[in-house]
């Protein structure tokens, strides 16, 4: 198949594009610079120069492809509309990447007990209302003659397979621990995130391309962990003595930025990937997050 991928030099998009190219598909990928074009070529991806604001470039690349994978931004409405309008009436698949912070709670490091699957109703936090509205717009295109599908991963860990090899939360915690000589979490660190290894997430895109029905939405996870437990594992990896430290939210915001601190590092995001397992036959098998920190790629 001919597959066009946005975010082809990014962590998720680059890993997906490289995987699909290795499987024998003809993959093109959106990149912003000659340097990134050279980087994606190494993984068998043909670069398409442009940005998410170049509607004509996006539309042309989408129309030339059999499938579009949007992994550059969960929030860029203009790019989504340009791609979907180009696919309307074609019957082609549009695989969009969202993120499970849509059900997140701005909990300042406190634990919440609510767990969500694809059928659980929820009200997004103010910081994620626009993303949820965009997801609803994407799925509405099932009535416009194409096949929109949303993949919604939780915290992703592991080394990427494309040009960008790092995810967000765990590298941020590791970088901070290196700087301070001790791991640190926002607030008490009891907040819990579901998580999934990049090696388990990537094959789900191929399954969705082949099998997902129009309008399908999939949470993606294979376990969950508190930020405090992740920090304990980081301290063990580095051989730092004692427990991790708790940062006040003001300190966490100064370290990571207020949006990242509130919505990514101190929030809860607990989901269950029931539909991916039952409908697509997805079977995650990579090592768990604690083991990956203590014995896997982060130690290396």
Protein backbone atom coordinates (compact mmCIF):
# COMPACT_ATOMS: atom_id res chain seq x y z
CA UNK A 1 0.00 0.00 0.00
CA UNK A 2 0.92 3.65 -0.36
CA UNK A 3 0.86 5.24 3.11
CA UNK A 4 1.32 8.92 3.93
CA UNK A 5 2.43 9.65 7.50
CA UNK A 6 2.62 13.01 9.24
CA UNK A 7 5.10 13.26 12.09
CA UNK A 8 7.42 10.96 10.16
CA UNK A 9 10.49 12.27 11.97
CA UNK A 10 8.79 12.15 15.40
CA UNK A 11 8.68 9.53 18.13
CA UNK A 12 5.35 7.86 17.30
CA UNK A 13 5.11 8.78 13.62
CA UNK A 14 8.71 7.89 12.90
CA UNK A 15 8.37 4.52 14.60
CA UNK A 16 5.14 3.76 12.73
CA UNK A 17 6.52 4.93 9.38
CA UNK A 18 9.70 2.85 9.78
CA UNK A 19 7.64 -0.21 10.76
CA UNK A 20 5.32 0.13 7.76
CA UNK A 21 8.22 0.69 5.37
CA UNK A 22 9.99 -2.39 6.72
CA UNK A 23 6.78 -4.36 6.12
CA UNK A 24 7.00 -3.52 2.43
CA UNK A 25 4.63 -0.59 2.14
CA UNK A 26 5.48 2.50 0.10
CA UNK A 27 5.66 5.16 2.81
CA UNK A 28 5.87 8.91 2.37
CA UNK A 29 6.32 11.19 5.36
CA UNK A 30 5.83 14.87 6.11
CA UNK A 31 9.03 16.62 7.25
CA UNK A 32 9.92 20.26 7.83
CA UNK A 33 13.62 20.36 6.88
CA UNK A 34 16.29 18.84 4.65
CA UNK A 35 17.97 17.45 7.76
CA UNK A 36 14.78 15.58 8.75
CA UNK A 37 14.29 14.46 5.16
CA UNK A 38 17.70 12.79 5.25
CA UNK A 39 16.83 11.22 8.61
CA UNK A 40 13.60 9.57 7.44
CA UNK A 41 15.15 8.30 4.20
CA UNK A 42 17.41 6.09 6.34
CA UNK A 43 14.29 4.23 7.45
CA UNK A 44 12.89 3.72 3.95
CA UNK A 45 10.51 6.69 4.09
CA UNK A 46 10.26 9.11 1.16
CA UNK A 47 10.07 12.67 2.52
CA UNK A 48 7.35 15.16 1.62
CA UNK A 49 8.51 18.69 2.46
CA UNK A 50 5.99 20.84 4.30
CA UNK A 51 4.31 21.69 7.58
CA UNK A 52 0.92 21.05 9.13
CA UNK A 53 -0.15 24.49 7.91
CA UNK A 54 0.46 23.60 4.23
CA UNK A 55 -3.07 22.45 3.38
CA UNK A 56 -2.38 21.94 -0.32
CA UNK A 57 0.69 19.78 0.37
CA UNK A 58 -1.27 17.68 2.86
CA UNK A 59 -4.22 17.25 0.51
CA UNK A 60 -2.02 16.22 -2.39
CA UNK A 61 -0.10 13.68 -0.33
CA UNK A 62 -3.32 12.26 1.11
CA UNK A 63 -4.94 11.87 -2.31
CA UNK A 64 -1.83 10.10 -3.65
CA UNK A 65 -1.90 7.57 -0.79
CA UNK A 66 -4.12 4.59 0.04
CA UNK A 67 -3.92 5.30 3.80
CA UNK A 68 -3.10 8.39 5.88
CA UNK A 69 -1.56 8.13 9.37
CA UNK A 70 -1.66 11.40 11.31
CA UNK A 71 0.91 11.25 14.11
CA UNK A 72 2.31 14.79 14.10
CA UNK A 73 -0.15 16.54 16.41
CA UNK A 74 -3.23 15.52 18.37
CA UNK A 75 -4.51 19.09 18.27
CA UNK A 76 -3.88 20.67 14.85
CA UNK A 77 -7.40 21.12 13.48
CA UNK A 78 -6.35 22.73 10.21
CA UNK A 79 -4.19 19.77 9.22
CA UNK A 80 -6.89 17.28 10.17
CA UNK A 81 -9.54 19.06 8.11
CA UNK A 82 -7.23 19.38 5.09
CA UNK A 83 -6.41 15.66 5.20
CA UNK A 84 -9.98 14.46 5.81
CA UNK A 85 -11.51 16.72 3.19
CA UNK A 86 -9.00 15.30 0.69
CA UNK A 87 -10.07 11.76 1.63
CA UNK A 88 -13.84 12.37 1.68
CA UNK A 89 -15.65 10.02 -0.69
CA UNK A 90 -12.55 7.88 -1.30
CA UNK A 91 -13.21 5.12 1.24
CA UNK A 92 -9.59 5.45 2.40
CA UNK A 93 -8.45 5.04 6.01
CA UNK A 94 -7.39 7.99 8.16
CA UNK A 95 -5.60 6.81 11.33
CA UNK A 96 -5.35 9.70 13.81
CA UNK A 97 -3.21 9.75 16.96
CA UNK A 98 -4.78 11.26 20.07
CA UNK A 99 -3.69 10.78 23.69
CA UNK A 100 -5.27 9.48 26.88
CA UNK A 101 -4.85 12.79 28.70
CA UNK A 102 -8.29 13.51 27.22
CA UNK A 103 -9.71 11.70 30.27
CA UNK A 104 -6.99 13.09 32.53
CA UNK A 105 -7.61 14.84 35.81
CA UNK A 106 -5.59 17.84 36.93
CA UNK A 107 -4.99 16.23 40.32
CA UNK A 108 -1.70 17.86 41.42
CA UNK A 109 -0.11 14.46 42.01
CA UNK A 110 -3.01 12.94 43.97
CA UNK A 111 -4.45 9.57 42.96
CA UNK A 112 -7.92 9.18 41.47
CA UNK A 113 -9.74 5.87 41.13
CA UNK A 114 -11.74 6.45 37.93
CA UNK A 115 -10.80 4.05 35.10
CA UNK A 116 -12.06 4.49 31.53
CA UNK A 117 -12.60 2.24 28.55
CA UNK A 118 -14.02 3.25 25.17
CA UNK A 119 -17.61 3.13 26.46
CA UNK A 120 -17.08 5.16 29.67
CA UNK A 121 -18.56 8.68 29.51
CA UNK A 122 -16.30 11.52 30.66
CA UNK A 123 -15.97 15.29 30.74
CA UNK A 124 -12.52 16.50 29.61
CA UNK A 125 -10.50 18.97 31.64
CA UNK A 126 -10.43 22.52 30.20
CA UNK A 127 -6.96 21.85 28.82
CA UNK A 128 -8.24 18.95 26.71
CA UNK A 129 -11.73 20.08 25.63
CA UNK A 130 -10.52 21.22 22.20
CA UNK A 131 -8.80 17.87 21.58
CA UNK A 132 -11.98 15.96 22.43
CA UNK A 133 -13.99 18.18 20.09
CA UNK A 134 -11.45 17.51 17.33
CA UNK A 135 -11.72 13.76 17.93
CA UNK A 136 -15.49 13.99 17.52
CA UNK A 137 -15.06 15.93 14.28
CA UNK A 138 -12.65 13.28 12.96
CA UNK A 139 -15.02 10.41 13.71
CA UNK A 140 -17.91 12.28 12.06
CA UNK A 141 -16.15 11.80 8.71
CA UNK A 142 -17.30 8.17 8.76
CA UNK A 143 -20.45 9.68 7.23
CA UNK A 144 -18.45 11.38 4.46
CA UNK A 145 -17.13 8.35 2.63
CA UNK A 146 -13.82 7.64 4.33
CA UNK A 147 -12.64 5.46 7.24
CA UNK A 148 -11.56 7.58 10.24
CA UNK A 149 -9.98 5.72 13.16
CA UNK A 150 -8.51 7.17 16.37
CA UNK A 151 -5.68 5.51 18.29
CA UNK A 152 -5.39 6.97 21.79
CA UNK A 153 -2.25 5.79 23.62
CA UNK A 154 -1.50 6.33 27.28
CA UNK A 155 2.04 7.07 28.58
CA UNK A 156 4.43 5.61 26.00
CA UNK A 157 7.87 4.31 26.95
CA UNK A 158 10.79 2.61 25.22
CA UNK A 159 13.15 3.73 22.48
CA UNK A 160 11.56 4.82 19.19
CA UNK A 161 12.50 3.26 15.88
CA UNK A 162 12.58 6.36 13.69
CA UNK A 163 14.60 9.57 13.71
CA UNK A 164 13.30 10.69 17.13
CA UNK A 165 13.85 8.01 19.75
CA UNK A 166 12.51 9.61 22.96
CA UNK A 167 8.99 9.75 24.42
CA UNK A 168 7.87 12.39 26.95
CA UNK A 169 7.20 11.52 30.59
CA UNK A 170 9.88 8.97 31.49
CA UNK A 171 12.74 10.87 29.76
CA UNK A 172 11.62 14.04 31.58
CA UNK A 173 11.78 12.22 34.93
CA UNK A 174 15.16 10.68 34.10
CA UNK A 175 16.64 14.01 32.97
CA UNK A 176 15.47 15.67 36.19
CA UNK A 177 16.87 12.84 38.33
CA UNK A 178 20.26 13.18 36.64
CA UNK A 179 20.26 16.92 37.30
CA UNK A 180 19.23 16.64 40.96
CA UNK A 181 20.92 13.39 41.94
CA UNK A 182 17.51 12.08 42.99
CA UNK A 183 14.25 11.41 41.16
CA UNK A 184 11.40 13.84 41.83
CA UNK A 185 7.66 13.85 41.11
CA UNK A 186 4.99 16.54 41.12
CA UNK A 187 3.09 16.67 44.40
CA UNK A 188 2.87 13.35 46.28
CA UNK A 189 3.35 11.41 43.01
CA UNK A 190 0.45 9.09 43.73
CA UNK A 191 -1.18 9.98 40.40
CA UNK A 192 -1.44 7.01 38.05
CA UNK A 193 -0.98 6.72 34.31
CA UNK A 194 -1.70 3.71 32.16
CA UNK A 195 1.28 2.96 29.93
CA UNK A 196 2.30 1.12 26.77
CA UNK A 197 5.65 0.17 25.22
CA UNK A 198 6.38 1.75 21.82
CA UNK A 199 7.08 -1.79 20.53
CA UNK A 200 3.48 -2.75 21.37
CA UNK A 201 1.91 0.50 20.16
CA UNK A 202 3.41 0.44 16.66
CA UNK A 203 1.89 -2.89 15.51
CA UNK A 204 -1.55 -1.60 16.51
CA UNK A 205 -1.36 0.93 13.66
CA UNK A 206 -0.91 -1.89 11.15
CA UNK A 207 -3.83 -3.77 12.70
CA UNK A 208 -6.00 -0.65 12.54
CA UNK A 209 -5.10 -0.04 8.90
CA UNK A 210 -6.14 -3.59 8.00
CA UNK A 211 -9.11 -4.21 10.28
CA UNK A 212 -10.53 -1.18 12.11
CA UNK A 213 -14.08 -0.16 11.11
CA UNK A 214 -14.97 3.42 10.24
CA UNK A 215 -15.46 5.54 13.35
CA UNK A 216 -13.47 3.26 15.67
CA UNK A 217 -11.71 4.64 18.75
CA UNK A 218 -9.06 2.67 20.66
CA UNK A 219 -7.39 3.37 23.98
CA UNK A 220 -3.92 1.77 24.15
CA UNK A 221 -2.34 0.46 27.38
CA UNK A 222 -0.73 -2.58 28.91
CA UNK A 223 -0.57 -1.77 32.61
CA UNK A 224 -0.45 1.30 34.86
CA UNK A 225 1.89 2.88 37.38
CA UNK A 226 2.08 5.87 39.71
CA UNK A 227 4.65 8.56 39.00
CA UNK A 228 6.11 7.87 42.45
CA UNK A 229 6.69 4.20 41.58
CA UNK A 230 8.34 5.24 38.32
CA UNK A 231 10.61 7.59 40.28
CA UNK A 232 11.56 4.80 42.72
CA UNK A 233 12.57 2.68 39.71
CA UNK A 234 14.66 5.56 38.31
CA UNK A 235 16.47 5.92 41.63
CA UNK A 236 17.19 2.18 41.64
CA UNK A 237 18.48 2.40 38.06
CA UNK A 238 20.92 5.19 38.98
CA UNK A 239 21.79 3.70 42.37
CA UNK A 240 20.51 6.80 44.18
CA UNK A 241 19.87 6.15 47.86
CA UNK A 242 16.60 7.01 49.54
CA UNK A 243 13.13 7.80 48.24
CA UNK A 244 12.35 10.27 45.44
CA UNK A 245 11.42 13.80 46.45
CA UNK A 246 8.10 15.60 46.06
CA UNK A 247 8.01 18.93 44.24
CA UNK A 248 5.37 21.57 44.91
CA UNK A 249 3.29 22.25 41.81
CA UNK A 250 4.93 25.67 41.41
CA UNK A 251 8.34 23.98 41.30
CA UNK A 252 7.09 21.33 38.85
CA UNK A 253 5.65 24.05 36.60
CA UNK A 254 8.96 25.92 36.67
CA UNK A 255 10.73 22.68 35.70
CA UNK A 256 8.42 21.43 32.94
CA UNK A 257 6.03 24.28 32.11
CA UNK A 258 2.58 24.66 33.62
CA UNK A 259 0.69 22.74 30.92
CA UNK A 260 3.03 19.75 31.03
CA UNK A 261 3.11 19.75 34.83
CA UNK A 262 -0.69 19.92 35.21
CA UNK A 263 -1.85 17.73 32.28
CA UNK A 264 1.03 15.29 31.83
CA UNK A 265 3.14 14.86 34.98
CA UNK A 266 0.71 15.46 37.88
CA UNK A 267 -2.52 14.17 36.34
CA UNK A 268 -4.20 10.76 36.35
CA UNK A 269 -4.94 8.97 33.10
CA UNK A 270 -6.23 5.44 33.71
CA UNK A 271 -7.63 3.61 30.68
CA UNK A 272 -8.25 0.06 29.48
CA UNK A 273 -7.55 -1.06 25.91
CA UNK A 274 -10.51 -3.43 25.74
CA UNK A 275 -11.52 -2.68 22.17
CA UNK A 276 -8.04 -3.06 20.65
CA UNK A 277 -7.69 -6.48 22.25
CA UNK A 278 -11.16 -7.78 21.42
CA UNK A 279 -11.77 -6.20 18.00
CA UNK A 280 -8.29 -6.12 16.45
CA UNK A 281 -6.69 -9.05 18.29
CA UNK A 282 -3.95 -6.78 19.65
CA UNK A 283 -1.62 -8.70 21.99
CA UNK A 284 1.02 -6.57 23.73
CA UNK A 285 4.10 -8.49 24.86
CA UNK A 286 6.95 -6.04 25.47
CA UNK A 287 8.48 -5.72 28.93
CA UNK A 288 6.74 -3.63 31.57
CA UNK A 289 7.69 -0.09 32.49
CA UNK A 290 9.50 -0.85 35.77
CA UNK A 291 11.58 -3.58 34.10
CA UNK A 292 12.36 -1.31 31.13
CA UNK A 293 13.62 1.44 33.46
CA UNK A 294 15.68 -0.84 35.70
CA UNK A 295 17.02 -3.34 33.17
CA UNK A 296 16.18 -2.13 29.66
CA UNK A 297 16.75 0.73 27.26
CA UNK A 298 16.89 3.51 29.88
CA UNK A 299 19.73 1.82 31.72
CA UNK A 300 21.55 1.36 28.42
